Amino acid sequence: VQLQASGGGSVQAGGSLRLSCAASGRAFNIMGWFRQAPGKEREFVAAVTWSDRRYYSESAKGRSAISRDNAKNTVYLQMNSLKPEDTAVYYCAAGSGTVWVPSGYDYWGQGTQVTVSS
């Protein structure tokens, strides 16, 4: 099983980015995104189930949209109105446990850097 994340980059505050994560090897009930800033713990951003139930952190709610294409086994994270505090390495993850915590996921992508400048 492999998760390949892409779409990170550098943007100015207020800009947008779309992250993608393609899973190979098998399908998963839950696919999600976490992020980790330097010196901080990995934190939940958003997740979506196979049946398209969506979950968001308070910081992501209203500014981000998670979606998935089950035929392509791919999850997307559209991030809008980005702020400097969104700067972090973003990790995609897949699993079948609790959506809010890293331990609920069995597989992780390599991470993609998102940098938001003011």
C-alpha atoms as a PDB file:
ATOM      1  CA  VAL A   1       0.000   0.000   0.000  1.00  0.00           C
ATOM      2  CA  GLN A   2       1.283   3.447  -0.923  1.00  0.00           C
ATOM      3  CA  LEU A   3      -0.119   6.933  -0.515  1.00  0.00           C
ATOM      4  CA  GLN A   4       1.298   9.542  -2.852  1.00  0.00           C
ATOM      5  CA  ALA A   5       0.579  13.145  -1.902  1.00  0.00           C
ATOM      6  CA  SER A   6       1.059  16.144  -4.156  1.00  0.00           C
ATOM      7  CA  GLY A   7      -0.043  19.731  -4.601  1.00  0.00           C
ATOM      8  CA  GLY A   8       1.800  21.578  -1.868  1.00  0.00           C
ATOM      9  CA  GLY A   9       3.640  24.806  -2.512  1.00  0.00           C
ATOM     10  CA  SER A  10       4.114  28.413  -1.503  1.00  0.00           C
ATOM     11  CA  VAL A  11       1.326  30.952  -1.650  1.00  0.00           C
ATOM     12  CA  GLN A  12       0.550  34.340  -0.214  1.00  0.00           C
ATOM     13  CA  ALA A  13      -2.041  34.781   2.491  1.00  0.00           C
ATOM     14  CA  GLY A  14      -5.517  34.604   1.031  1.00  0.00           C
ATOM     15  CA  GLY A  15      -4.453  32.228  -1.703  1.00  0.00           C
ATOM     16  CA  SER A  16      -5.576  28.688  -2.425  1.00  0.00           C
ATOM     17  CA  LEU A  17      -4.014  25.274  -2.878  1.00  0.00           C
ATOM     18  CA  ARG A  18      -5.394  21.874  -3.789  1.00  0.00           C
ATOM     19  CA  LEU A  19      -3.733  18.819  -2.361  1.00  0.00           C
ATOM     20  CA  SER A  20      -4.167  15.365  -3.842  1.00  0.00           C
ATOM     21  CA  CYS A  21      -3.395  11.940  -2.456  1.00  0.00           C
ATOM     22  CA  ALA A  22      -3.611   8.764  -4.493  1.00  0.00           C
ATOM     23  CA  ALA A  23      -3.742   5.410  -2.729  1.00  0.00           C
ATOM     24  CA  SER A  24      -2.570   2.239  -4.363  1.00  0.00           C
ATOM     25  CA  GLY A  25      -2.950  -1.338  -3.277  1.00  0.00           C
ATOM     26  CA  ARG A  26      -6.401  -1.282  -1.723  1.00  0.00           C
ATOM     27  CA  ALA A  27      -9.379   0.888  -0.902  1.00  0.00           C
ATOM     28  CA  PHE A  28      -9.955   2.451   2.514  1.00  0.00           C
ATOM     29  CA  ASN A  29     -13.047   3.461   4.418  1.00  0.00           C
ATOM     30  CA  ILE A  30     -11.481   6.693   5.656  1.00  0.00           C
ATOM     31  CA  MET A  31      -9.027   8.989   3.935  1.00  0.00           C
ATOM     32  CA  GLY A  32      -7.861  12.120   5.641  1.00  0.00           C
ATOM     33  CA  TRP A  33      -5.352  14.906   5.995  1.00  0.00           C
ATOM     34  CA  PHE A  34      -3.226  15.919   8.946  1.00  0.00           C
ATOM     35  CA  ARG A  35      -0.620  18.626   9.243  1.00  0.00           C
ATOM     36  CA  GLN A  36       2.434  19.200  11.347  1.00  0.00           C
ATOM     37  CA  ALA A  37       4.182  22.509  11.870  1.00  0.00           C
ATOM     38  CA  PRO A  38       7.739  22.704  13.248  1.00  0.00           C
ATOM     39  CA  GLY A  39       7.785  22.031  16.969  1.00  0.00           C
ATOM     40  CA  LYS A  40       4.120  21.057  17.063  1.00  0.00           C
ATOM     41  CA  GLU A  41       2.196  17.815  17.161  1.00  0.00           C
ATOM     42  CA  ARG A  42       0.514  16.380  14.116  1.00  0.00           C
ATOM     43  CA  GLU A  43      -3.058  17.678  13.989  1.00  0.00           C
ATOM     44  CA  PHE A  44      -6.191  16.645  12.182  1.00  0.00           C
ATOM     45  CA  VAL A  45      -7.366  18.765   9.245  1.00  0.00           C
ATOM     46  CA  ALA A  46     -10.114  16.874   7.434  1.00  0.00           C
ATOM     47  CA  ALA A  47     -11.330  13.395   6.559  1.00  0.00           C
ATOM     48  CA  VAL A  48     -13.888  11.740   4.321  1.00  0.00           C
ATOM     49  CA  THR A  49     -15.421   8.279   4.449  1.00  0.00           C
ATOM     50  CA  TRP A  50     -16.154   5.930   1.586  1.00  0.00           C
ATOM     51  CA  SER A  51     -19.798   6.995   1.808  1.00  0.00           C
ATOM     52  CA  ASP A  52     -18.778  10.672   1.573  1.00  0.00           C
ATOM     53  CA  ARG A  53     -19.294  11.683   5.185  1.00  0.00           C
ATOM     54  CA  ARG A  54     -16.924  14.580   5.817  1.00  0.00           C
ATOM     55  CA  TYR A  55     -15.168  15.812   8.929  1.00  0.00           C
ATOM     56  CA  TYR A  56     -13.254  19.052   9.476  1.00  0.00           C
ATOM     57  CA  SER A  57     -11.173  20.638  12.190  1.00  0.00           C
ATOM     58  CA  GLU A  58     -12.401  23.963  13.487  1.00  0.00           C
ATOM     59  CA  SER A  59      -9.538  25.741  11.728  1.00  0.00           C
ATOM     60  CA  ALA A  60     -10.353  24.098   8.396  1.00  0.00           C
ATOM     61  CA  LYS A  61     -14.123  24.418   8.559  1.00  0.00           C
ATOM     62  CA  GLY A  62     -15.411  27.020   6.125  1.00  0.00           C
ATOM     63  CA  ARG A  63     -12.066  27.403   4.348  1.00  0.00           C
ATOM     64  CA  SER A  64     -11.388  23.875   3.156  1.00  0.00           C
ATOM     65  CA  ALA A  65     -13.237  21.190   1.265  1.00  0.00           C
ATOM     66  CA  ILE A  66     -12.301  17.530   1.250  1.00  0.00           C
ATOM     67  CA  SER A  67     -13.505  15.177  -1.448  1.00  0.00           C
ATOM     68  CA  ARG A  68     -12.647  11.773  -2.822  1.00  0.00           C
ATOM     69  CA  ASP A  69     -12.895   9.886  -6.068  1.00  0.00           C
ATOM     70  CA  ASN A  70     -13.429   6.268  -5.129  1.00  0.00           C
ATOM     71  CA  ALA A  71     -12.869   5.071  -8.687  1.00  0.00           C
ATOM     72  CA  LYS A  72      -9.400   6.638  -8.592  1.00  0.00           C
ATOM     73  CA  ASN A  73      -8.817   5.874  -4.907  1.00  0.00           C
ATOM     74  CA  THR A  74      -7.823   9.506  -4.501  1.00  0.00           C
ATOM     75  CA  VAL A  75      -8.630  12.142  -1.904  1.00  0.00           C
ATOM     76  CA  TYR A  76      -8.423  15.880  -2.452  1.00  0.00           C
ATOM     77  CA  LEU A  77      -8.161  18.839  -0.103  1.00  0.00           C
ATOM     78  CA  GLN A  78      -9.071  22.237  -1.478  1.00  0.00           C
ATOM     79  CA  MET A  79      -7.752  24.942   0.845  1.00  0.00           C
ATOM     80  CA  ASN A  80      -8.887  28.532   0.430  1.00  0.00           C
ATOM     81  CA  SER A  81      -8.237  31.796   2.258  1.00  0.00           C
ATOM     82  CA  LEU A  82      -4.933  30.405   3.462  1.00  0.00           C
ATOM     83  CA  LYS A  83      -3.244  32.012   6.446  1.00  0.00           C
ATOM     84  CA  PRO A  84       0.404  32.009   7.562  1.00  0.00           C
ATOM     85  CA  GLU A  85      -0.595  29.750  10.456  1.00  0.00           C
ATOM     86  CA  ASP A  86      -1.604  27.104   7.908  1.00  0.00           C
ATOM     87  CA  THR A  87       2.078  26.645   7.095  1.00  0.00           C
ATOM     88  CA  ALA A  88       2.986  23.016   7.784  1.00  0.00           C
ATOM     89  CA  VAL A  89       3.785  19.691   6.217  1.00  0.00           C
ATOM     90  CA  TYR A  90       0.500  18.120   5.188  1.00  0.00           C
ATOM     91  CA  TYR A  91       0.148  14.340   5.368  1.00  0.00           C
ATOM     92  CA  CYS A  92      -2.536  12.212   3.828  1.00  0.00           C
ATOM     93  CA  ALA A  93      -3.591   9.103   5.667  1.00  0.00           C
ATOM     94  CA  ALA A  94      -5.869   6.134   5.171  1.00  0.00           C
ATOM     95  CA  GLY A  95      -7.510   3.706   7.536  1.00  0.00           C
ATOM     96  CA  SER A  96     -10.707   2.628   9.197  1.00  0.00           C
ATOM     97  CA  GLY A  97     -10.514   3.911  12.777  1.00  0.00           C
ATOM     98  CA  THR A  98     -11.284   7.150  14.564  1.00  0.00           C
ATOM     99  CA  VAL A  99     -11.013  10.016  12.094  1.00  0.00           C
ATOM    100  CA  TRP A 100      -9.792  12.680  14.521  1.00  0.00           C
ATOM    101  CA  VAL A 101      -6.508  11.150  15.702  1.00  0.00           C
ATOM    102  CA  PRO A 102      -3.400   9.814  13.963  1.00  0.00           C
ATOM    103  CA  SER A 103      -3.798   6.420  15.622  1.00  0.00           C
ATOM    104  CA  GLY A 104      -7.000   5.913  13.653  1.00  0.00           C
ATOM    105  CA  TYR A 105      -5.034   5.573  10.433  1.00  0.00           C
ATOM    106  CA  ASP A 106      -2.933   2.669   9.211  1.00  0.00           C
ATOM    107  CA  TYR A 107      -1.101   4.204   6.266  1.00  0.00           C
ATOM    108  CA  TRP A 108       0.536   7.568   5.690  1.00  0.00           C
ATOM    109  CA  GLY A 109       1.806   9.478   2.719  1.00  0.00           C
ATOM    110  CA  GLN A 110       5.194  11.153   2.563  1.00  0.00           C
ATOM    111  CA  GLY A 111       3.957  14.675   3.310  1.00  0.00           C
ATOM    112  CA  THR A 112       3.824  17.775   1.183  1.00  0.00           C
ATOM    113  CA  GLN A 113       4.964  21.228   2.321  1.00  0.00           C
ATOM    114  CA  VAL A 114       2.516  24.116   2.382  1.00  0.00           C
ATOM    115  CA  THR A 115       3.993  27.550   3.038  1.00  0.00           C
ATOM    116  CA  VAL A 116       1.811  30.628   3.368  1.00  0.00           C
ATOM    117  CA  SER A 117       3.505  34.003   3.470  1.00  0.00           C
ATOM    118  CA  SER A 118       1.989  37.184   4.833  1.00  0.00           C
END
